[in-house]
mmCIF file of all heavy atoms, coordinates in Angstrom:
data_MODEL
# 
_entry.id   MODEL 
# 
loop_
_atom_site.group_PDB 
_atom_site.id 
_atom_site.type_symbol 
_atom_site.label_atom_id 
_atom_site.label_alt_id 
_atom_site.label_comp_id 
_atom_site.label_asym_id 
_atom_site.label_entity_id 
_atom_site.label_seq_id 
_atom_site.pdbx_PDB_ins_code 
_atom_site.Cartn_x 
_atom_site.Cartn_y 
_atom_site.Cartn_z 
_atom_site.occupancy 
_atom_site.B_iso_or_equiv 
_atom_site.pdbx_formal_charge 
_atom_site.auth_seq_id 
_atom_site.auth_comp_id 
_atom_site.auth_asym_id 
_atom_site.auth_atom_id 
_atom_site.pdbx_PDB_model_num 
ATOM 1   N N   . SER A 1 1  ? 106.674 146.698 83.028  1.00 0.00 ? 1  SER A N   1 
ATOM 2   C CA  . SER A 1 1  ? 106.680 146.399 81.597  1.00 0.00 ? 1  SER A CA  1 
ATOM 3   C C   . SER A 1 1  ? 106.053 147.574 80.865  1.00 0.00 ? 1  SER A C   1 
ATOM 4   O O   . SER A 1 1  ? 105.986 148.676 81.388  1.00 0.00 ? 1  SER A O   1 
ATOM 5   C CB  . SER A 1 1  ? 105.934 145.092 81.323  1.00 0.00 ? 1  SER A CB  1 
ATOM 6   O OG  . SER A 1 1  ? 104.589 145.208 81.735  1.00 0.00 ? 1  SER A OG  1 
ATOM 7   N N   . LYS A 1 2  ? 105.604 147.370 79.672  1.00 0.00 ? 2  LYS A N   1 
ATOM 8   C CA  . LYS A 1 2  ? 105.022 148.407 78.829  1.00 0.00 ? 2  LYS A CA  1 
ATOM 9   C C   . LYS A 1 2  ? 106.023 149.541 78.640  1.00 0.00 ? 2  LYS A C   1 
ATOM 10  O O   . LYS A 1 2  ? 107.097 149.342 78.132  1.00 0.00 ? 2  LYS A O   1 
ATOM 11  C CB  . LYS A 1 2  ? 103.698 148.881 79.385  1.00 0.00 ? 2  LYS A CB  1 
ATOM 12  C CG  . LYS A 1 2  ? 102.758 147.700 79.646  1.00 0.00 ? 2  LYS A CG  1 
ATOM 13  C CD  . LYS A 1 2  ? 101.338 148.080 79.633  1.00 0.00 ? 2  LYS A CD  1 
ATOM 14  C CE  . LYS A 1 2  ? 100.416 146.935 79.933  1.00 0.00 ? 2  LYS A CE  1 
ATOM 15  N NZ  . LYS A 1 2  ? 100.828 145.889 80.788  1.00 0.00 ? 2  LYS A NZ  1 
ATOM 16  N N   . GLY A 1 3  ? 105.707 150.752 79.053  1.00 0.00 ? 3  GLY A N   1 
ATOM 17  C CA  . GLY A 1 3  ? 106.543 151.914 78.793  1.00 0.00 ? 3  GLY A CA  1 
ATOM 18  C C   . GLY A 1 3  ? 107.937 151.838 79.378  1.00 0.00 ? 3  GLY A C   1 
ATOM 19  O O   . GLY A 1 3  ? 108.876 152.383 78.812  1.00 0.00 ? 3  GLY A O   1 
ATOM 20  N N   . LEU A 1 4  ? 108.098 151.182 80.512  1.00 0.00 ? 4  LEU A N   1 
ATOM 21  C CA  . LEU A 1 4  ? 109.420 151.110 81.128  1.00 0.00 ? 4  LEU A CA  1 
ATOM 22  C C   . LEU A 1 4  ? 110.293 150.031 80.504  1.00 0.00 ? 4  LEU A C   1 
ATOM 23  O O   . LEU A 1 4  ? 111.497 150.005 80.728  1.00 0.00 ? 4  LEU A O   1 
ATOM 24  C CB  . LEU A 1 4  ? 109.298 150.896 82.642  1.00 0.00 ? 4  LEU A CB  1 
ATOM 25  C CG  . LEU A 1 4  ? 108.606 152.030 83.392  1.00 0.00 ? 4  LEU A CG  1 
ATOM 26  C CD1 . LEU A 1 4  ? 108.531 151.716 84.875  1.00 0.00 ? 4  LEU A CD1 1 
ATOM 27  C CD2 . LEU A 1 4  ? 109.314 153.348 83.169  1.00 0.00 ? 4  LEU A CD2 1 
ATOM 28  N N   . GLY A 1 5  ? 109.703 149.111 79.758  1.00 0.00 ? 5  GLY A N   1 
ATOM 29  C CA  . GLY A 1 5  ? 110.474 148.174 78.962  1.00 0.00 ? 5  GLY A CA  1 
ATOM 30  C C   . GLY A 1 5  ? 110.958 146.905 79.634  1.00 0.00 ? 5  GLY A C   1 
ATOM 31  O O   . GLY A 1 5  ? 111.643 146.115 79.000  1.00 0.00 ? 5  GLY A O   1 
ATOM 32  N N   . ALA A 1 6  ? 110.625 146.671 80.889  1.00 0.00 ? 6  ALA A N   1 
ATOM 33  C CA  . ALA A 1 6  ? 111.028 145.414 81.525  1.00 0.00 ? 6  ALA A CA  1 
ATOM 34  C C   . ALA A 1 6  ? 110.131 144.289 81.000  1.00 0.00 ? 6  ALA A C   1 
ATOM 35  O O   . ALA A 1 6  ? 108.991 144.529 80.617  1.00 0.00 ? 6  ALA A O   1 
ATOM 36  C CB  . ALA A 1 6  ? 110.901 145.522 83.043  1.00 0.00 ? 6  ALA A CB  1 
ATOM 37  N N   . PRO A 1 7  ? 110.634 143.061 80.956  1.00 0.00 ? 7  PRO A N   1 
ATOM 38  C CA  . PRO A 1 7  ? 109.808 141.966 80.440  1.00 0.00 ? 7  PRO A CA  1 
ATOM 39  C C   . PRO A 1 7  ? 108.583 141.677 81.304  1.00 0.00 ? 7  PRO A C   1 
ATOM 40  O O   . PRO A 1 7  ? 107.566 141.214 80.807  1.00 0.00 ? 7  PRO A O   1 
ATOM 41  C CB  . PRO A 1 7  ? 110.751 140.769 80.403  1.00 0.00 ? 7  PRO A CB  1 
ATOM 42  C CG  . PRO A 1 7  ? 111.909 141.130 81.256  1.00 0.00 ? 7  PRO A CG  1 
ATOM 43  C CD  . PRO A 1 7  ? 111.986 142.624 81.308  1.00 0.00 ? 7  PRO A CD  1 
ATOM 44  N N   . SER A 1 8  ? 108.681 141.951 82.578  1.00 0.00 ? 8  SER A N   1 
ATOM 45  C CA  . SER A 1 8  ? 107.543 141.792 83.479  1.00 0.00 ? 8  SER A CA  1 
ATOM 46  C C   . SER A 1 8  ? 107.915 142.399 84.813  1.00 0.00 ? 8  SER A C   1 
ATOM 47  O O   . SER A 1 8  ? 109.020 142.894 84.990  1.00 0.00 ? 8  SER A O   1 
ATOM 48  C CB  . SER A 1 8  ? 107.164 140.307 83.651  1.00 0.00 ? 8  SER A CB  1 
ATOM 49  O OG  . SER A 1 8  ? 108.187 139.623 84.334  1.00 0.00 ? 8  SER A OG  1 
ATOM 50  N N   . GLY A 1 9  ? 106.994 142.340 85.743  1.00 0.00 ? 9  GLY A N   1 
ATOM 51  C CA  . GLY A 1 9  ? 107.277 142.812 87.086  1.00 0.00 ? 9  GLY A CA  1 
ATOM 52  C C   . GLY A 1 9  ? 106.443 144.012 87.466  1.00 0.00 ? 9  GLY A C   1 
ATOM 53  O O   . GLY A 1 9  ? 106.000 144.782 86.616  1.00 0.00 ? 9  GLY A O   1 
ATOM 54  N N   . ALA A 1 10 ? 106.218 144.132 88.752  1.00 0.00 ? 10 ALA A N   1 
ATOM 55  C CA  . ALA A 1 10 ? 105.456 145.242 89.297  1.00 0.00 ? 10 ALA A CA  1 
ATOM 56  C C   . ALA A 1 10 ? 105.807 145.387 90.769  1.00 0.00 ? 10 ALA A C   1 
ATOM 57  O O   . ALA A 1 10 ? 106.357 144.455 91.379  1.00 0.00 ? 10 ALA A O   1 
ATOM 58  C CB  . ALA A 1 10 ? 103.955 144.986 89.138  1.00 0.00 ? 10 ALA A CB  1 
ATOM 59  N N   . VAL A 1 11 ? 105.505 146.537 91.319  1.00 0.00 ? 11 VAL A N   1 
ATOM 60  C CA  . VAL A 1 11 ? 105.667 146.749 92.756  1.00 0.00 ? 11 VAL A CA  1 
ATOM 61  C C   . VAL A 1 11 ? 104.347 147.269 93.306  1.00 0.00 ? 11 VAL A C   1 
ATOM 62  O O   . VAL A 1 11 ? 103.546 147.862 92.580  1.00 0.00 ? 11 VAL A O   1 
ATOM 63  C CB  . VAL A 1 11 ? 106.793 147.750 93.102  1.00 0.00 ? 11 VAL A CB  1 
ATOM 64  C CG1 . VAL A 1 11 ? 108.135 147.194 92.735  1.00 0.00 ? 11 VAL A CG1 1 
ATOM 65  C CG2 . VAL A 1 11 ? 106.565 149.086 92.464  1.00 0.00 ? 11 VAL A CG2 1 
ATOM 66  N N   . LEU A 1 12 ? 104.159 147.044 94.577  1.00 0.00 ? 12 LEU A N   1 
ATOM 67  C CA  . LEU A 1 12 ? 102.985 147.520 95.283  1.00 0.00 ? 12 LEU A CA  1 
ATOM 68  C C   . LEU A 1 12 ? 103.475 148.268 96.507  1.00 0.00 ? 12 LEU A C   1 
ATOM 69  O O   . LEU A 1 12 ? 104.320 147.762 97.248  1.00 0.00 ? 12 LEU A O   1 
ATOM 70  C CB  . LEU A 1 12 ? 102.099 146.335 95.693  1.00 0.00 ? 12 LEU A CB  1 
ATOM 71  C CG  . LEU A 1 12 ? 100.839 146.658 96.479  1.00 0.00 ? 12 LEU A CG  1 
ATOM 72  C CD1 . LEU A 1 12 ? 99.859  147.427 95.590  1.00 0.00 ? 12 LEU A CD1 1 
ATOM 73  C CD2 . LEU A 1 12 ? 100.189 145.385 96.993  1.00 0.00 ? 12 LEU A CD2 1 
ATOM 74  N N   . ALA A 1 13 ? 102.964 149.459 96.714  1.00 0.00 ? 13 ALA A N   1 
ATOM 75  C CA  . ALA A 1 13 ? 103.369 150.249 97.878  1.00 0.00 ? 13 ALA A CA  1 
ATOM 76  C C   . ALA A 1 13 ? 102.126 150.710 98.614  1.00 0.00 ? 13 ALA A C   1 
ATOM 77  O O   . ALA A 1 13 ? 101.094 150.985 98.014  1.00 0.00 ? 13 ALA A O   1 
ATOM 78  C CB  . ALA A 1 13 ? 104.186 151.456 97.431  1.00 0.00 ? 13 ALA A CB  1 
ATOM 79  N N   . GLY A 1 14 ? 102.255 150.769 99.916  1.00 0.00 ? 14 GLY A N   1 
ATOM 80  C CA  . GLY A 1 14 ? 101.169 151.228 100.768 1.00 0.00 ? 14 GLY A CA  1 
ATOM 81  C C   . GLY A 1 14 ? 101.594 151.063 102.209 1.00 0.00 ? 14 GLY A C   1 
ATOM 82  O O   . GLY A 1 14 ? 102.776 150.817 102.498 1.00 0.00 ? 14 GLY A O   1 
ATOM 83  N N   . CYS A 1 15 ? 100.640 151.158 103.112 1.00 0.00 ? 15 CYS A N   1 
ATOM 84  C CA  . CYS A 1 15 ? 100.998 150.979 104.521 1.00 0.00 ? 15 CYS A CA  1 
ATOM 85  C C   . CYS A 1 15 ? 101.417 149.519 104.757 1.00 0.00 ? 15 CYS A C   1 
ATOM 86  O O   . CYS A 1 15 ? 101.087 148.618 103.983 1.00 0.00 ? 15 CYS A O   1 
ATOM 87  C CB  . CYS A 1 15 ? 99.831  151.364 105.426 1.00 0.00 ? 15 CYS A CB  1 
ATOM 88  S SG  . CYS A 1 15 ? 98.424  150.236 105.356 1.00 0.00 ? 15 CYS A SG  1 
ATOM 89  N N   . ARG A 1 16 ? 102.169 149.293 105.802 1.00 0.00 ? 16 ARG A N   1 
ATOM 90  C CA  . ARG A 1 16 ? 102.717 147.970 106.102 1.00 0.00 ? 16 ARG A CA  1 
ATOM 91  C C   . ARG A 1 16 ? 101.630 146.898 106.168 1.00 0.00 ? 16 ARG A C   1 
ATOM 92  O O   . ARG A 1 16 ? 101.776 145.821 105.613 1.00 0.00 ? 16 ARG A O   1 
ATOM 93  C CB  . ARG A 1 16 ? 103.498 148.000 107.415 1.00 0.00 ? 16 ARG A CB  1 
ATOM 94  C CG  . ARG A 1 16 ? 104.142 146.661 107.767 1.00 0.00 ? 16 ARG A CG  1 
ATOM 95  C CD  . ARG A 1 16 ? 104.967 146.735 109.041 1.00 0.00 ? 16 ARG A CD  1 
ATOM 96  N NE  . ARG A 1 16 ? 105.987 147.757 109.013 1.00 0.00 ? 16 ARG A NE  1 
ATOM 97  C CZ  . ARG A 1 16 ? 107.192 147.611 108.445 1.00 0.00 ? 16 ARG A CZ  1 
ATOM 98  N NH1 . ARG A 1 16 ? 107.508 146.500 107.861 1.00 0.00 ? 16 ARG A NH1 1 
ATOM 99  N NH2 . ARG A 1 16 ? 108.067 148.598 108.494 1.00 0.00 ? 16 ARG A NH2 1 
ATOM 100 N N   . GLU A 1 17 ? 100.496 147.212 106.795 1.00 0.00 ? 17 GLU A N   1 
ATOM 101 C CA  . GLU A 1 17 ? 99.420  146.230 106.935 1.00 0.00 ? 17 GLU A CA  1 
ATOM 102 C C   . GLU A 1 17 ? 98.853  145.856 105.558 1.00 0.00 ? 17 GLU A C   1 
ATOM 103 O O   . GLU A 1 17 ? 98.592  144.681 105.283 1.00 0.00 ? 17 GLU A O   1 
ATOM 104 C CB  . GLU A 1 17 ? 98.292  146.773 107.823 1.00 0.00 ? 17 GLU A CB  1 
ATOM 105 C CG  . GLU A 1 17 ? 98.685  147.029 109.272 1.00 0.00 ? 17 GLU A CG  1 
ATOM 106 C CD  . GLU A 1 17 ? 99.455  148.339 109.460 1.00 0.00 ? 17 GLU A CD  1 
ATOM 107 O OE1 . GLU A 1 17 ? 99.314  149.264 108.627 1.00 0.00 ? 17 GLU A OE1 1 
ATOM 108 O OE2 . GLU A 1 17 ? 100.221 148.425 110.443 1.00 0.00 ? 17 GLU A OE2 1 
ATOM 109 N N   . PHE A 1 18 ? 98.656  146.846 104.708 1.00 0.00 ? 18 PHE A N   1 
ATOM 110 C CA  . PHE A 1 18 ? 98.115  146.595 103.368 1.00 0.00 ? 18 PHE A CA  1 
ATOM 111 C C   . PHE A 1 18 ? 99.066  145.723 102.555 1.00 0.00 ? 18 PHE A C   1 
ATOM 112 O O   . PHE A 1 18 ? 98.647  144.747 101.931 1.00 0.00 ? 18 PHE A O   1 
ATOM 113 C CB  . PHE A 1 18 ? 97.871  147.926 102.646 1.00 0.00 ? 18 PHE A CB  1 
ATOM 114 C CG  . PHE A 1 18 ? 97.484  147.754 101.199 1.00 0.00 ? 18 PHE A CG  1 
ATOM 115 C CD1 . PHE A 1 18 ? 96.202  147.352 100.849 1.00 0.00 ? 18 PHE A CD1 1 
ATOM 116 C CD2 . PHE A 1 18 ? 98.398  147.990 100.188 1.00 0.00 ? 18 PHE A CD2 1 
ATOM 117 C CE1 . PHE A 1 18 ? 95.842  147.186 99.517  1.00 0.00 ? 18 PHE A CE1 1 
ATOM 118 C CE2 . PHE A 1 18 ? 98.057  147.837 98.854  1.00 0.00 ? 18 PHE A CE2 1 
ATOM 119 C CZ  . PHE A 1 18 ? 96.783  147.423 98.518  1.00 0.00 ? 18 PHE A CZ  1 
ATOM 120 N N   . VAL A 1 19 ? 100.347 146.065 102.551 1.00 0.00 ? 19 VAL A N   1 
ATOM 121 C CA  . VAL A 1 19 ? 101.333 145.304 101.775 1.00 0.00 ? 19 VAL A CA  1 
ATOM 122 C C   . VAL A 1 19 ? 101.463 143.887 102.329 1.00 0.00 ? 19 VAL A C   1 
ATOM 123 O O   . VAL A 1 19 ? 101.543 142.914 101.568 1.00 0.00 ? 19 VAL A O   1 
ATOM 124 C CB  . VAL A 1 19 ? 102.692 146.034 101.737 1.00 0.00 ? 19 VAL A CB  1 
ATOM 125 C CG1 . VAL A 1 19 ? 103.772 145.167 101.099 1.00 0.00 ? 19 VAL A CG1 1 
ATOM 126 C CG2 . VAL A 1 19 ? 102.564 147.359 100.989 1.00 0.00 ? 19 VAL A CG2 1 
ATOM 127 N N   . THR A 1 20 ? 101.432 143.723 103.645 1.00 0.00 ? 20 THR A N   1 
ATOM 128 C CA  . THR A 1 20 ? 101.500 142.391 104.254 1.00 0.00 ? 20 THR A CA  1 
ATOM 129 C C   . THR A 1 20 ? 100.300 141.548 103.831 1.00 0.00 ? 20 THR A C   1 
ATOM 130 O O   . THR A 1 20 ? 100.447 140.379 103.462 1.00 0.00 ? 20 THR A O   1 
ATOM 131 C CB  . THR A 1 20 ? 101.548 142.498 105.796 1.00 0.00 ? 20 THR A CB  1 
ATOM 132 O OG1 . THR A 1 20 ? 102.721 143.241 106.155 1.00 0.00 ? 20 THR A OG1 1 
ATOM 133 C CG2 . THR A 1 20 ? 101.586 141.130 106.446 1.00 0.00 ? 20 THR A CG2 1 
ATOM 134 N N   . GLU A 1 21 ? 99.103  142.139 103.855 1.00 0.00 ? 21 GLU A N   1 
ATOM 135 C CA  . GLU A 1 21 ? 97.898  141.417 103.427 1.00 0.00 ? 21 GLU A CA  1 
ATOM 136 C C   . GLU A 1 21 ? 97.988  141.051 101.939 1.00 0.00 ? 21 GLU A C   1 
ATOM 137 O O   . GLU A 1 21 ? 97.666  139.920 101.541 1.00 0.00 ? 21 GLU A O   1 
ATOM 138 C CB  . GLU A 1 21 ? 96.650  142.242 103.688 1.00 0.00 ? 21 GLU A CB  1 
ATOM 139 C CG  . GLU A 1 21 ? 95.375  141.512 103.297 1.00 0.00 ? 21 GLU A CG  1 
ATOM 140 C CD  . GLU A 1 21 ? 94.123  142.340 103.541 1.00 0.00 ? 21 GLU A CD  1 
ATOM 141 O OE1 . GLU A 1 21 ? 94.204  143.428 104.131 1.00 0.00 ? 21 GLU A OE1 1 
ATOM 142 O OE2 . GLU A 1 21 ? 93.048  141.879 103.110 1.00 0.00 ? 21 GLU A OE2 1 
ATOM 143 N N   . ALA A 1 22 ? 98.423  141.992 101.114 1.00 0.00 ? 22 ALA A N   1 
ATOM 144 C CA  . ALA A 1 22 ? 98.556  141.724 99.677  1.00 0.00 ? 22 ALA A CA  1 
ATOM 145 C C   . ALA A 1 22 ? 99.571  140.605 99.434  1.00 0.00 ? 22 ALA A C   1 
ATOM 146 O O   . ALA A 1 22 ? 99.372  139.737 98.571  1.00 0.00 ? 22 ALA A O   1 
ATOM 147 C CB  . ALA A 1 22 ? 98.977  142.991 98.942  1.00 0.00 ? 22 ALA A CB  1 
ATOM 148 N N   . TRP A 1 23 ? 100.663 140.597 100.175 1.00 0.00 ? 23 TRP A N   1 
ATOM 149 C CA  . TRP A 1 23 ? 101.689 139.560 100.052 1.00 0.00 ? 23 TRP A CA  1 
ATOM 150 C C   . TRP A 1 23 ? 101.081 138.192 100.369 1.00 0.00 ? 23 TRP A C   1 
ATOM 151 O O   . TRP A 1 23 ? 101.304 137.217 99.643  1.00 0.00 ? 23 TRP A O   1 
ATOM 152 C CB  . TRP A 1 23 ? 102.844 139.875 101.010 1.00 0.00 ? 23 TRP A CB  1 
ATOM 153 C CG  . TRP A 1 23 ? 103.968 138.901 100.956 1.00 0.00 ? 23 TRP A CG  1 
ATOM 154 C CD1 . TRP A 1 23 ? 104.164 137.819 101.762 1.00 0.00 ? 23 TRP A CD1 1 
ATOM 155 C CD2 . TRP A 1 23 ? 105.048 138.907 100.031 1.00 0.00 ? 23 TRP A CD2 1 
ATOM 156 N NE1 . TRP A 1 23 ? 105.299 137.160 101.405 1.00 0.00 ? 23 TRP A NE1 1 
ATOM 157 C CE2 . TRP A 1 23 ? 105.867 137.811 100.342 1.00 0.00 ? 23 TRP A CE2 1 
ATOM 158 C CE3 . TRP A 1 23 ? 105.410 139.733 98.972  1.00 0.00 ? 23 TRP A CE3 1 
ATOM 159 C CZ2 . TRP A 1 23 ? 107.023 137.517 99.625  1.00 0.00 ? 23 TRP A CZ2 1 
ATOM 160 C CZ3 . TRP A 1 23 ? 106.562 139.438 98.278  1.00 0.00 ? 23 TRP A CZ3 1 
ATOM 161 C CH2 . TRP A 1 23 ? 107.346 138.346 98.605  1.00 0.00 ? 23 TRP A CH2 1 
ATOM 162 N N   . CYS A 1 24 ? 100.293 138.114 101.441 1.00 0.00 ? 24 CYS A N   1 
ATOM 163 C CA  . CYS A 1 24 ? 99.656  136.848 101.828 1.00 0.00 ? 24 CYS A CA  1 
ATOM 164 C C   . CYS A 1 24 ? 98.657  136.390 100.770 1.00 0.00 ? 24 CYS A C   1 
ATOM 165 O O   . CYS A 1 24 ? 98.621  135.207 100.405 1.00 0.00 ? 24 CYS A O   1 
ATOM 166 C CB  . CYS A 1 24 ? 98.963  137.003 103.182 1.00 0.00 ? 24 CYS A CB  1 
ATOM 167 S SG  . CYS A 1 24 ? 100.107 137.193 104.554 1.00 0.00 ? 24 CYS A SG  1 
ATOM 168 N N   . VAL A 1 25 ? 97.852  137.313 100.264 1.00 0.00 ? 25 VAL A N   1 
ATOM 169 C CA  . VAL A 1 25 ? 96.874  136.959 99.234  1.00 0.00 ? 25 VAL A CA  1 
ATOM 170 C C   . VAL A 1 25 ? 97.581  136.474 97.979  1.00 0.00 ? 25 VAL A C   1 
ATOM 171 O O   . VAL A 1 25 ? 97.178  135.493 97.352  1.00 0.00 ? 25 VAL A O   1 
ATOM 172 C CB  . VAL A 1 25 ? 95.937  138.157 98.924  1.00 0.00 ? 25 VAL A CB  1 
ATOM 173 C CG1 . VAL A 1 25 ? 95.098  137.892 97.694  1.00 0.00 ? 25 VAL A CG1 1 
ATOM 174 C CG2 . VAL A 1 25 ? 95.048  138.454 100.125 1.00 0.00 ? 25 VAL A CG2 1 
# 
């Protein structure tokens, strides 16, 4: 959102373990 203009949404990138933990949380 904001500068890119989408109504909402975000992505998270990192190592597989970090993204898996973030997904669970």
